[in-house]
Amino acid sequence: MMYDANKKSAGVSYLLCLFLGGVGAHRFYLGRTGTAVGQLALWLLGWVTFFVAWIPLGIWIIVDLFLIAGIVREENMKIADKFAFD
């Protein structure tokens, strides 16, 4: 019961990546705060560097589209293990 309430959704992750990927919303949702802050910093740096920093950010987001399924699976396994031993 608690697992279902806390598990992460791949669909939500993909939507966040597609619409708010530049600010790292999908990584914040998946609990990857460090890399989410990195994406947010690149997004902010893009405004200062006349969008130059958005090139590596765009590549990173495209790579994330392939990684999301594995990250969601990993996070859900962590959640399941947490509630299995409580």
PDB file of N, CA and C in Angstrom:
ATOM      1  N   MET A   1       0.815  -1.190   0.000  1.00  0.00           N
ATOM      2  CA  MET A   1       0.000   0.000   0.000  1.00  0.00           C
ATOM      3  C   MET A   1       0.865   1.264   0.000  1.00  0.00           C
ATOM      4  N   MET A   2       1.841   1.323   0.892  1.00  0.00           N
ATOM      5  CA  MET A   2       2.725   2.493   0.945  1.00  0.00           C
ATOM      6  C   MET A   2       3.600   2.575  -0.298  1.00  0.00           C
ATOM      7  N   TYR A   3       3.961   1.417  -0.845  1.00  0.00           N
ATOM      8  CA  TYR A   3       4.766   1.399  -2.061  1.00  0.00           C
ATOM      9  C   TYR A   3       4.016   2.089  -3.195  1.00  0.00           C
ATOM     10  N   ASP A   4       2.746   1.753  -3.377  1.00  0.00           N
ATOM     11  CA  ASP A   4       1.955   2.344  -4.452  1.00  0.00           C
ATOM     12  C   ASP A   4       1.840   3.857  -4.302  1.00  0.00           C
ATOM     13  N   ALA A   5       1.765   4.328  -3.079  1.00  0.00           N
ATOM     14  CA  ALA A   5       1.649   5.761  -2.837  1.00  0.00           C
ATOM     15  C   ALA A   5       2.955   6.501  -3.109  1.00  0.00           C
ATOM     16  N   ASN A   6       4.084   5.804  -3.041  1.00  0.00           N
ATOM     17  CA  ASN A   6       5.382   6.460  -3.177  1.00  0.00           C
ATOM     18  C   ASN A   6       6.127   6.139  -4.465  1.00  0.00           C
ATOM     19  N   LYS A   7       5.660   5.168  -5.240  1.00  0.00           N
ATOM     20  CA  LYS A   7       6.409   4.775  -6.428  1.00  0.00           C
ATOM     21  C   LYS A   7       6.404   5.880  -7.474  1.00  0.00           C
ATOM     22  N   LYS A   8       7.422   5.883  -8.291  1.00  0.00           N
ATOM     23  CA  LYS A   8       7.599   6.884  -9.337  1.00  0.00           C
ATOM     24  C   LYS A   8       6.996   6.377 -10.639  1.00  0.00           C
ATOM     25  N   SER A   9       6.491   7.292 -11.448  1.00  0.00           N
ATOM     26  CA  SER A   9       5.864   6.952 -12.709  1.00  0.00           C
ATOM     27  C   SER A   9       6.772   7.331 -13.869  1.00  0.00           C
ATOM     28  N   ALA A  10       6.980   6.395 -14.780  1.00  0.00           N
ATOM     29  CA  ALA A  10       7.783   6.686 -15.968  1.00  0.00           C
ATOM     30  C   ALA A  10       7.080   7.723 -16.832  1.00  0.00           C
ATOM     31  N   GLY A  11       5.755   7.648 -16.933  1.00  0.00           N
ATOM     32  CA  GLY A  11       5.002   8.613 -17.738  1.00  0.00           C
ATOM     33  C   GLY A  11       5.173  10.036 -17.237  1.00  0.00           C
ATOM     34  N   VAL A  12       5.068  10.214 -15.938  1.00  0.00           N
ATOM     35  CA  VAL A  12       5.255  11.541 -15.354  1.00  0.00           C
ATOM     36  C   VAL A  12       6.687  12.014 -15.599  1.00  0.00           C
ATOM     37  N   SER A  13       7.643  11.108 -15.468  1.00  0.00           N
ATOM     38  CA  SER A  13       9.048  11.464 -15.684  1.00  0.00           C
ATOM     39  C   SER A  13       9.292  11.923 -17.111  1.00  0.00           C
ATOM     40  N   TYR A  14       8.729  11.200 -18.079  1.00  0.00           N
ATOM     41  CA  TYR A  14       8.896  11.588 -19.483  1.00  0.00           C
ATOM     42  C   TYR A  14       8.232  12.936 -19.767  1.00  0.00           C
ATOM     43  N   LEU A  15       7.047  13.159 -19.223  1.00  0.00           N
ATOM     44  CA  LEU A  15       6.379  14.444 -19.439  1.00  0.00           C
ATOM     45  C   LEU A  15       7.177  15.596 -18.828  1.00  0.00           C
ATOM     46  N   LEU A  16       7.685  15.385 -17.620  1.00  0.00           N
ATOM     47  CA  LEU A  16       8.512  16.416 -17.000  1.00  0.00           C
ATOM     48  C   LEU A  16       9.768  16.679 -17.819  1.00  0.00           C
ATOM     49  N   CYS A  17      10.364  15.624 -18.356  1.00  0.00           N
ATOM     50  CA  CYS A  17      11.572  15.777 -19.169  1.00  0.00           C
ATOM     51  C   CYS A  17      11.279  16.552 -20.449  1.00  0.00           C
ATOM     52  N   LEU A  18      10.171  16.226 -21.089  1.00  0.00           N
ATOM     53  CA  LEU A  18       9.838  16.891 -22.352  1.00  0.00           C
ATOM     54  C   LEU A  18       9.456  18.357 -22.165  1.00  0.00           C
ATOM     55  N   PHE A  19       8.717  18.671 -21.106  1.00  0.00           N
ATOM     56  CA  PHE A  19       8.214  20.027 -20.948  1.00  0.00           C
ATOM     57  C   PHE A  19       9.036  20.897 -20.004  1.00  0.00           C
ATOM     58  N   LEU A  20       9.706  20.281 -19.027  1.00  0.00           N
ATOM     59  CA  LEU A  20      10.492  21.054 -18.060  1.00  0.00           C
ATOM     60  C   LEU A  20      11.896  20.484 -17.887  1.00  0.00           C
ATOM     61  N   GLY A  21      12.371  19.799 -18.912  1.00  0.00           N
ATOM     62  CA  GLY A  21      13.676  19.152 -18.826  1.00  0.00           C
ATOM     63  C   GLY A  21      14.824  20.114 -18.619  1.00  0.00           C
ATOM     64  N   GLY A  22      14.710  21.298 -19.168  1.00  0.00           N
ATOM     65  CA  GLY A  22      15.787  22.269 -19.042  1.00  0.00           C
ATOM     66  C   GLY A  22      16.085  22.670 -17.613  1.00  0.00           C
ATOM     67  N   VAL A  23      15.085  22.644 -16.777  1.00  0.00           N
ATOM     68  CA  VAL A  23      15.282  23.016 -15.374  1.00  0.00           C
ATOM     69  C   VAL A  23      15.465  21.789 -14.488  1.00  0.00           C
ATOM     70  N   GLY A  24      15.540  20.607 -15.085  1.00  0.00           N
ATOM     71  CA  GLY A  24      15.822  19.391 -14.343  1.00  0.00           C
ATOM     72  C   GLY A  24      14.646  18.845 -13.541  1.00  0.00           C
ATOM     73  N   ALA A  25      13.421  19.199 -13.922  1.00  0.00           N
ATOM     74  CA  ALA A  25      12.246  18.790 -13.147  1.00  0.00           C
ATOM     75  C   ALA A  25      12.124  17.276 -13.031  1.00  0.00           C
ATOM     76  N   HIS A  26      12.432  16.558 -14.104  1.00  0.00           N
ATOM     77  CA  HIS A  26      12.318  15.099 -14.072  1.00  0.00           C
ATOM     78  C   HIS A  26      13.328  14.489 -13.104  1.00  0.00           C
ATOM     79  N   ARG A  27      14.497  15.080 -13.003  1.00  0.00           N
ATOM     80  CA  ARG A  27      15.503  14.560 -12.083  1.00  0.00           C
ATOM     81  C   ARG A  27      15.161  14.903 -10.638  1.00  0.00           C
ATOM     82  N   PHE A  28      14.583  16.071 -10.395  1.00  0.00           N
ATOM     83  CA  PHE A  28      14.093  16.379  -9.051  1.00  0.00           C
ATOM     84  C   PHE A  28      13.020  15.376  -8.662  1.00  0.00           C
ATOM     85  N   TYR A  29      12.100  15.080  -9.574  1.00  0.00           N
ATOM     86  CA  TYR A  29      11.013  14.127  -9.308  1.00  0.00           C
ATOM     87  C   TYR A  29      11.558  12.745  -8.973  1.00  0.00           C
ATOM     88  N   LEU A  30      12.626  12.337  -9.640  1.00  0.00           N
ATOM     89  CA  LEU A  30      13.203  11.010  -9.437  1.00  0.00           C
ATOM     90  C   LEU A  30      14.217  10.962  -8.302  1.00  0.00           C
ATOM     91  N   GLY A  31      14.386  12.061  -7.592  1.00  0.00           N
ATOM     92  CA  GLY A  31      15.274  12.069  -6.437  1.00  0.00           C
ATOM     93  C   GLY A  31      16.739  12.258  -6.779  1.00  0.00           C
ATOM     94  N   ARG A  32      17.043  12.647  -7.979  1.00  0.00           N
ATOM     95  CA  ARG A  32      18.433  12.892  -8.401  1.00  0.00           C
ATOM     96  C   ARG A  32      18.722  14.387  -8.286  1.00  0.00           C
ATOM     97  N   THR A  33      18.760  14.880  -7.070  1.00  0.00           N
ATOM     98  CA  THR A  33      18.862  16.309  -6.809  1.00  0.00           C
ATOM     99  C   THR A  33      20.159  16.920  -7.316  1.00  0.00           C
ATOM    100  N   GLY A  34      21.266  16.215  -7.150  1.00  0.00           N
ATOM    101  CA  GLY A  34      22.556  16.759  -7.581  1.00  0.00           C
ATOM    102  C   GLY A  34      22.604  17.036  -9.066  1.00  0.00           C
ATOM    103  N   THR A  35      22.189  16.079  -9.873  1.00  0.00           N
ATOM    104  CA  THR A  35      22.218  16.291 -11.325  1.00  0.00           C
ATOM    105  C   THR A  35      21.100  17.239 -11.757  1.00  0.00           C
ATOM    106  N   ALA A  36      20.012  17.289 -10.998  1.00  0.00           N
ATOM    107  CA  ALA A  36      18.946  18.242 -11.306  1.00  0.00           C
ATOM    108  C   ALA A  36      19.445  19.669 -11.130  1.00  0.00           C
ATOM    109  N   VAL A  37      20.207  19.890 -10.072  1.00  0.00           N
ATOM    110  CA  VAL A  37      20.790  21.214  -9.851  1.00  0.00           C
ATOM    111  C   VAL A  37      21.772  21.548 -10.973  1.00  0.00           C
ATOM    112  N   GLY A  38      22.508  20.542 -11.447  1.00  0.00           N
ATOM    113  CA  GLY A  38      23.421  20.758 -12.577  1.00  0.00           C
ATOM    114  C   GLY A  38      22.676  21.179 -13.832  1.00  0.00           C
ATOM    115  N   GLN A  39      21.550  20.528 -14.118  1.00  0.00           N
ATOM    116  CA  GLN A  39      20.754  20.912 -15.285  1.00  0.00           C
ATOM    117  C   GLN A  39      20.167  22.310 -15.115  1.00  0.00           C
ATOM    118  N   LEU A  40      19.702  22.613 -13.927  1.00  0.00           N
ATOM    119  CA  LEU A  40      19.170  23.942 -13.658  1.00  0.00           C
ATOM    120  C   LEU A  40      20.256  25.004 -13.816  1.00  0.00           C
ATOM    121  N   ALA A  41      21.461  24.704 -13.342  1.00  0.00           N
ATOM    122  CA  ALA A  41      22.579  25.644 -13.475  1.00  0.00           C
ATOM    123  C   ALA A  41      22.932  25.867 -14.944  1.00  0.00           C
ATOM    124  N   LEU A  42      22.941  24.801 -15.755  1.00  0.00           N
ATOM    125  CA  LEU A  42      23.202  24.966 -17.193  1.00  0.00           C
ATOM    126  C   LEU A  42      22.107  25.798 -17.862  1.00  0.00           C
ATOM    127  N   TRP A  43      20.877  25.591 -17.446  1.00  0.00           N
ATOM    128  CA  TRP A  43      19.769  26.351 -18.015  1.00  0.00           C
ATOM    129  C   TRP A  43      19.943  27.840 -17.696  1.00  0.00           C
ATOM    130  N   LEU A  44      20.280  28.131 -16.435  1.00  0.00           N
ATOM    131  CA  LEU A  44      20.498  29.523 -16.040  1.00  0.00           C
ATOM    132  C   LEU A  44      21.722  30.112 -16.737  1.00  0.00           C
ATOM    133  N   LEU A  45      22.771  29.318 -16.855  1.00  0.00           N
ATOM    134  CA  LEU A  45      23.986  29.779 -17.538  1.00  0.00           C
ATOM    135  C   LEU A  45      23.713  30.073 -19.008  1.00  0.00           C
ATOM    136  N   GLY A  46      22.766  29.363 -19.583  1.00  0.00           N
ATOM    137  CA  GLY A  46      22.398  29.607 -20.974  1.00  0.00           C
ATOM    138  C   GLY A  46      21.891  31.014 -21.216  1.00  0.00           C
ATOM    139  N   TRP A  47      21.201  31.587 -20.227  1.00  0.00           N
ATOM    140  CA  TRP A  47      20.726  32.950 -20.377  1.00  0.00           C
ATOM    141  C   TRP A  47      21.892  33.939 -20.355  1.00  0.00           C
ATOM    142  N   VAL A  48      22.921  33.633 -19.592  1.00  0.00           N
ATOM    143  CA  VAL A  48      24.073  34.525 -19.471  1.00  0.00           C
ATOM    144  C   VAL A  48      24.985  34.416 -20.690  1.00  0.00           C
ATOM    145  N   THR A  49      25.115  33.219 -21.239  1.00  0.00           N
ATOM    146  CA  THR A  49      26.038  32.978 -22.356  1.00  0.00           C
ATOM    147  C   THR A  49      25.346  33.017 -23.711  1.00  0.00           C
ATOM    148  N   PHE A  50      24.222  33.681 -23.763  1.00  0.00           N
ATOM    149  CA  PHE A  50      23.456  33.777 -25.018  1.00  0.00           C
ATOM    150  C   PHE A  50      23.151  32.397 -25.590  1.00  0.00           C
ATOM    151  N   PHE A  51      22.656  31.527 -24.732  1.00  0.00           N
ATOM    152  CA  PHE A  51      22.139  30.216 -25.086  1.00  0.00           C
ATOM    153  C   PHE A  51      23.199  29.170 -25.429  1.00  0.00           C
ATOM    154  N   VAL A  52      24.484  29.489 -25.320  1.00  0.00           N
ATOM    155  CA  VAL A  52      25.544  28.528 -25.646  1.00  0.00           C
ATOM    156  C   VAL A  52      25.494  27.326 -24.712  1.00  0.00           C
ATOM    157  N   ALA A  53      25.211  27.549 -23.437  1.00  0.00           N
ATOM    158  CA  ALA A  53      25.178  26.456 -22.466  1.00  0.00           C
ATOM    159  C   ALA A  53      23.993  25.528 -22.697  1.00  0.00           C
ATOM    160  N   TRP A  54      23.036  25.938 -23.516  1.00  0.00           N
ATOM    161  CA  TRP A  54      21.878  25.093 -23.769  1.00  0.00           C
ATOM    162  C   TRP A  54      22.196  23.946 -24.722  1.00  0.00           C
ATOM    163  N   ILE A  55      23.296  24.031 -25.451  1.00  0.00           N
ATOM    164  CA  ILE A  55      23.672  22.935 -26.356  1.00  0.00           C
ATOM    165  C   ILE A  55      24.003  21.674 -25.558  1.00  0.00           C
ATOM    166  N   PRO A  56      24.926  21.732 -24.586  1.00  0.00           N
ATOM    167  CA  PRO A  56      25.166  20.513 -23.797  1.00  0.00           C
ATOM    168  C   PRO A  56      23.947  20.098 -22.979  1.00  0.00           C
ATOM    169  N   LEU A  57      23.156  21.055 -22.529  1.00  0.00           N
ATOM    170  CA  LEU A  57      21.938  20.736 -21.792  1.00  0.00           C
ATOM    171  C   LEU A  57      20.959  19.969 -22.682  1.00  0.00           C
ATOM    172  N   GLY A  58      20.818  20.386 -23.926  1.00  0.00           N
ATOM    173  CA  GLY A  58      19.945  19.683 -24.860  1.00  0.00           C
ATOM    174  C   GLY A  58      20.402  18.256 -25.110  1.00  0.00           C
ATOM    175  N   ILE A  59      21.692  18.075 -25.237  1.00  0.00           N
ATOM    176  CA  ILE A  59      22.239  16.724 -25.416  1.00  0.00           C
ATOM    177  C   ILE A  59      21.966  15.886 -24.176  1.00  0.00           C
ATOM    178  N   TRP A  60      22.156  16.478 -23.001  1.00  0.00           N
ATOM    179  CA  TRP A  60      21.921  15.778 -21.740  1.00  0.00           C
ATOM    180  C   TRP A  60      20.457  15.344 -21.622  1.00  0.00           C
ATOM    181  N   ILE A  61      19.535  16.206 -22.028  1.00  0.00           N
ATOM    182  CA  ILE A  61      18.112  15.879 -21.960  1.00  0.00           C
ATOM    183  C   ILE A  61      17.771  14.746 -22.921  1.00  0.00           C
ATOM    184  N   ILE A  62      18.351  14.763 -24.106  1.00  0.00           N
ATOM    185  CA  ILE A  62      18.119  13.671 -25.061  1.00  0.00           C
ATOM    186  C   ILE A  62      18.628  12.351 -24.484  1.00  0.00           C
ATOM    187  N   VAL A  63      19.792  12.370 -23.863  1.00  0.00           N
ATOM    188  CA  VAL A  63      20.319  11.164 -23.222  1.00  0.00           C
ATOM    189  C   VAL A  63      19.389  10.724 -22.090  1.00  0.00           C
ATOM    190  N   ASP A  64      18.876  11.686 -21.329  1.00  0.00           N
ATOM    191  CA  ASP A  64      17.957  11.364 -20.238  1.00  0.00           C
ATOM    192  C   ASP A  64      16.709  10.638 -20.726  1.00  0.00           C
ATOM    193  N   LEU A  65      16.248  10.954 -21.920  1.00  0.00           N
ATOM    194  CA  LEU A  65      15.073  10.270 -22.461  1.00  0.00           C
ATOM    195  C   LEU A  65      15.303   8.766 -22.560  1.00  0.00           C
ATOM    196  N   PHE A  66      16.549   8.378 -22.790  1.00  0.00           N
ATOM    197  CA  PHE A  66      16.879   6.954 -22.851  1.00  0.00           C
ATOM    198  C   PHE A  66      17.135   6.361 -21.456  1.00  0.00           C
ATOM    199  N   LEU A  67      17.519   7.196 -20.507  1.00  0.00           N
ATOM    200  CA  LEU A  67      17.866   6.722 -19.171  1.00  0.00           C
ATOM    201  C   LEU A  67      16.692   6.672 -18.200  1.00  0.00           C
ATOM    202  N   ILE A  68      15.634   7.388 -18.483  1.00  0.00           N
ATOM    203  CA  ILE A  68      14.534   7.526 -17.522  1.00  0.00           C
ATOM    204  C   ILE A  68      13.961   6.182 -17.097  1.00  0.00           C
ATOM    205  N   ALA A  69      13.735   5.276 -18.025  1.00  0.00           N
ATOM    206  CA  ALA A  69      13.128   3.980 -17.672  1.00  0.00           C
ATOM    207  C   ALA A  69      13.967   3.257 -16.621  1.00  0.00           C
ATOM    208  N   GLY A  70      15.274   3.236 -16.782  1.00  0.00           N
ATOM    209  CA  GLY A  70      16.153   2.586 -15.822  1.00  0.00           C
ATOM    210  C   GLY A  70      16.183   3.296 -14.484  1.00  0.00           C
ATOM    211  N   ILE A  71      16.168   4.622 -14.519  1.00  0.00           N
ATOM    212  CA  ILE A  71      16.186   5.390 -13.276  1.00  0.00           C
ATOM    213  C   ILE A  71      14.895   5.158 -12.497  1.00  0.00           C
ATOM    214  N   VAL A  72      13.756   5.143 -13.195  1.00  0.00           N
ATOM    215  CA  VAL A  72      12.476   4.901 -12.535  1.00  0.00           C
ATOM    216  C   VAL A  72      12.472   3.506 -11.911  1.00  0.00           C
ATOM    217  N   ARG A  73      12.952   2.524 -12.661  1.00  0.00           N
ATOM    218  CA  ARG A  73      13.014   1.144 -12.145  1.00  0.00           C
ATOM    219  C   ARG A  73      13.870   1.089 -10.884  1.00  0.00           C
ATOM    220  N   GLU A  74      15.029   1.738 -10.924  1.00  0.00           N
ATOM    221  CA  GLU A  74      15.941   1.747  -9.779  1.00  0.00           C
ATOM    222  C   GLU A  74      15.314   2.424  -8.564  1.00  0.00           C
ATOM    223  N   GLU A  75      14.674   3.571  -8.766  1.00  0.00           N
ATOM    224  CA  GLU A  75      14.039   4.280  -7.657  1.00  0.00           C
ATOM    225  C   GLU A  75      12.894   3.464  -7.069  1.00  0.00           C
ATOM    226  N   ASN A  76      12.117   2.829  -7.923  1.00  0.00           N
ATOM    227  CA  ASN A  76      11.014   2.012  -7.422  1.00  0.00           C
ATOM    228  C   ASN A  76      11.520   0.794  -6.656  1.00  0.00           C
ATOM    229  N   MET A  77      12.647   0.236  -7.062  1.00  0.00           N
ATOM    230  CA  MET A  77      13.234  -0.879  -6.314  1.00  0.00           C
ATOM    231  C   MET A  77      13.697  -0.412  -4.934  1.00  0.00           C
ATOM    232  N   LYS A  78      14.282   0.785  -4.867  1.00  0.00           N
ATOM    233  CA  LYS A  78      14.694   1.340  -3.572  1.00  0.00           C
ATOM    234  C   LYS A  78      13.487   1.538  -2.665  1.00  0.00           C
ATOM    235  N   ILE A  79      12.402   2.046  -3.235  1.00  0.00           N
ATOM    236  CA  ILE A  79      11.188   2.268  -2.457  1.00  0.00           C
ATOM    237  C   ILE A  79      10.620   0.936  -1.982  1.00  0.00           C
ATOM    238  N   ALA A  80      10.604  -0.063  -2.866  1.00  0.00           N
ATOM    239  CA  ALA A  80      10.078  -1.386  -2.487  1.00  0.00           C
ATOM    240  C   ALA A  80      10.916  -2.007  -1.385  1.00  0.00           C
ATOM    241  N   ASP A  81      12.240  -1.874  -1.485  1.00  0.00           N
ATOM    242  CA  ASP A  81      13.120  -2.416  -0.439  1.00  0.00           C
ATOM    243  C   ASP A  81      12.897  -1.691   0.880  1.00  0.00           C
ATOM    244  N   LYS A  82      12.688  -0.401   0.813  1.00  0.00           N
ATOM    245  CA  LYS A  82      12.472   0.387   2.029  1.00  0.00           C
ATOM    246  C   LYS A  82      11.221  -0.089   2.762  1.00  0.00           C
ATOM    247  N   PHE A  83      10.154  -0.305   2.031  1.00  0.00           N
ATOM    248  CA  PHE A  83       8.906  -0.713   2.663  1.00  0.00           C
ATOM    249  C   PHE A  83       8.851  -2.210   2.960  1.00  0.00           C
ATOM    250  N   ALA A  84       9.686  -2.997   2.305  1.00  0.00           N
ATOM    251  CA  ALA A  84       9.702  -4.434   2.574  1.00  0.00           C
ATOM    252  C   ALA A  84      10.315  -4.729   3.941  1.00  0.00           C
ATOM    253  N   PHE A  85      11.228  -3.876   4.380  1.00  0.00           N
ATOM    254  CA  PHE A  85      11.928  -4.125   5.642  1.00  0.00           C
ATOM    255  C   PHE A  85      11.389  -3.293   6.789  1.00  0.00           C
ATOM    256  N   ASP A  86      10.348  -2.510   6.559  1.00  0.00           N
ATOM    257  CA  ASP A  86       9.765  -1.711   7.646  1.00  0.00           C
ATOM    258  C   ASP A  86       8.765  -2.507   8.438  1.00  0.00           C
TER     259      ASP A  86
END
